[in-house]
């Protein structure tokens, strides 16, 4: 197994970190908006996913 250069390791770590950050932000922004909008209309949980 060849050793990775420090730059490659930093780049790889940054890409994973950015991907996780985007995933968390998208989940946090989409879920509360959907739940709050649909929650005011009806308390039904199934409506939230459509």
N, C-alpha and C. Protein backbone atom coordinates (compact mmCIF):
# COMPACT_ATOMS: atom_id res chain seq x y z
N UNK A 1 0.85 -1.20 0.00
CA UNK A 1 0.00 0.00 0.00
C UNK A 1 0.89 1.25 0.00
N UNK A 2 0.86 2.02 -1.06
CA UNK A 2 1.70 3.22 -1.13
C UNK A 2 1.20 4.30 -0.17
N UNK A 3 2.13 5.04 0.39
CA UNK A 3 1.76 6.09 1.34
C UNK A 3 1.20 7.30 0.59
N UNK A 4 0.09 7.83 1.09
CA UNK A 4 -0.49 9.03 0.48
C UNK A 4 0.26 10.27 0.94
N UNK A 5 0.36 11.23 0.06
CA UNK A 5 1.01 12.48 0.44
C UNK A 5 0.08 13.25 1.39
N UNK A 6 0.65 14.10 2.24
CA UNK A 6 -0.20 14.86 3.17
C UNK A 6 -1.27 15.69 2.46
N UNK A 7 -0.93 16.22 1.28
CA UNK A 7 -1.89 17.03 0.54
C UNK A 7 -3.09 16.19 0.12
N UNK A 8 -2.83 14.97 -0.35
CA UNK A 8 -3.92 14.08 -0.76
C UNK A 8 -4.82 13.75 0.42
N UNK A 9 -4.21 13.50 1.58
CA UNK A 9 -4.98 13.19 2.78
C UNK A 9 -5.87 14.35 3.20
N UNK A 10 -5.31 15.56 3.13
CA UNK A 10 -6.06 16.76 3.50
C UNK A 10 -7.21 16.98 2.52
N UNK A 11 -6.94 16.81 1.24
CA UNK A 11 -7.98 16.97 0.22
C UNK A 11 -9.09 15.96 0.42
N UNK A 12 -8.72 14.70 0.64
CA UNK A 12 -9.70 13.63 0.85
C UNK A 12 -10.56 13.92 2.07
N UNK A 13 -9.93 14.35 3.16
CA UNK A 13 -10.65 14.67 4.39
C UNK A 13 -11.58 15.86 4.17
N UNK A 14 -11.12 16.87 3.43
CA UNK A 14 -11.93 18.06 3.17
C UNK A 14 -13.16 17.71 2.34
N UNK A 15 -12.99 16.82 1.36
CA UNK A 15 -14.12 16.42 0.50
C UNK A 15 -15.17 15.69 1.33
N UNK A 16 -14.73 14.77 2.19
CA UNK A 16 -15.67 14.03 3.04
C UNK A 16 -16.37 14.98 4.01
N UNK A 17 -15.61 15.90 4.60
CA UNK A 17 -16.17 16.85 5.54
C UNK A 17 -17.21 17.75 4.86
N UNK A 18 -16.89 18.22 3.66
CA UNK A 18 -17.82 19.08 2.92
C UNK A 18 -19.09 18.32 2.56
N UNK A 19 -18.94 17.05 2.16
CA UNK A 19 -20.09 16.24 1.79
C UNK A 19 -21.01 16.04 2.99
N UNK A 20 -20.43 15.73 4.14
CA UNK A 20 -21.23 15.54 5.35
C UNK A 20 -21.90 16.85 5.76
N UNK A 21 -21.19 17.96 5.63
CA UNK A 21 -21.74 19.26 6.00
C UNK A 21 -22.94 19.60 5.13
N UNK A 22 -22.81 19.40 3.82
CA UNK A 22 -23.92 19.67 2.89
C UNK A 22 -25.11 18.77 3.21
N UNK A 23 -24.82 17.50 3.52
CA UNK A 23 -25.89 16.55 3.83
C UNK A 23 -26.65 16.99 5.08
N UNK A 24 -25.92 17.37 6.12
CA UNK A 24 -26.55 17.79 7.37
C UNK A 24 -27.35 19.08 7.18
N UNK A 25 -26.77 20.03 6.44
CA UNK A 25 -27.44 21.31 6.21
C UNK A 25 -28.72 21.11 5.40
N UNK A 26 -28.67 20.27 4.37
CA UNK A 26 -29.85 20.03 3.55
C UNK A 26 -30.94 19.35 4.36
N UNK A 27 -30.55 18.41 5.22
CA UNK A 27 -31.53 17.73 6.07
C UNK A 27 -32.15 18.71 7.07
N UNK A 28 -31.32 19.57 7.67
CA UNK A 28 -31.81 20.50 8.67
C UNK A 28 -32.70 21.57 8.05
N UNK A 29 -32.41 21.97 6.81
CA UNK A 29 -33.19 23.03 6.19
C UNK A 29 -34.49 22.50 5.58
N UNK A 30 -34.45 21.28 5.00
CA UNK A 30 -35.63 20.76 4.32
C UNK A 30 -36.65 20.20 5.30
N UNK A 31 -36.20 19.45 6.31
CA UNK A 31 -37.14 18.81 7.22
C UNK A 31 -37.97 19.80 8.04
N UNK A 32 -37.37 20.79 8.71
CA UNK A 32 -38.19 21.73 9.49
C UNK A 32 -39.15 22.53 8.61
N UNK A 33 -38.73 22.90 7.41
CA UNK A 33 -39.61 23.65 6.52
C UNK A 33 -40.82 22.81 6.14
N UNK A 34 -40.59 21.55 5.75
CA UNK A 34 -41.69 20.67 5.37
C UNK A 34 -42.59 20.40 6.56
N UNK A 35 -42.00 20.10 7.70
CA UNK A 35 -42.79 19.73 8.88
C UNK A 35 -43.59 20.94 9.39
N UNK A 36 -43.01 22.14 9.31
CA UNK A 36 -43.71 23.32 9.81
C UNK A 36 -44.84 23.72 8.86
N UNK A 37 -44.59 23.67 7.55
CA UNK A 37 -45.62 24.02 6.58
C UNK A 37 -46.79 23.03 6.63
N UNK A 38 -46.47 21.74 6.56
CA UNK A 38 -47.52 20.73 6.55
C UNK A 38 -48.12 20.55 7.94
N UNK A 39 -47.33 20.82 8.96
CA UNK A 39 -47.82 20.66 10.33
C UNK A 39 -48.91 21.68 10.65
N UNK A 40 -48.81 22.88 10.05
CA UNK A 40 -49.83 23.90 10.28
C UNK A 40 -51.12 23.54 9.56
N UNK A 41 -51.00 22.91 8.39
CA UNK A 41 -52.19 22.52 7.63
C UNK A 41 -52.90 21.35 8.31
N UNK A 42 -52.14 20.27 8.57
CA UNK A 42 -52.73 19.09 9.19
C UNK A 42 -51.67 18.38 10.03
N UNK A 43 -52.07 17.79 11.13
CA UNK A 43 -51.11 17.10 12.00
C UNK A 43 -50.69 15.73 11.48
N UNK A 44 -51.20 15.34 10.32
CA UNK A 44 -50.89 14.03 9.76
C UNK A 44 -49.41 13.95 9.39
N UNK A 45 -48.72 12.90 9.84
CA UNK A 45 -47.28 12.76 9.59
C UNK A 45 -47.00 12.37 8.14
N UNK A 46 -47.93 11.68 7.49
CA UNK A 46 -47.69 11.18 6.13
C UNK A 46 -47.62 12.33 5.12
N UNK A 47 -48.31 13.41 5.38
CA UNK A 47 -48.37 14.53 4.43
C UNK A 47 -46.99 15.16 4.27
N UNK A 48 -46.15 15.03 5.31
CA UNK A 48 -44.84 15.68 5.31
C UNK A 48 -43.95 15.19 4.18
N UNK A 49 -44.12 13.94 3.76
CA UNK A 49 -43.20 13.36 2.77
C UNK A 49 -43.62 13.65 1.33
N UNK A 50 -44.80 14.24 1.12
CA UNK A 50 -45.26 14.46 -0.26
C UNK A 50 -45.22 15.93 -0.66
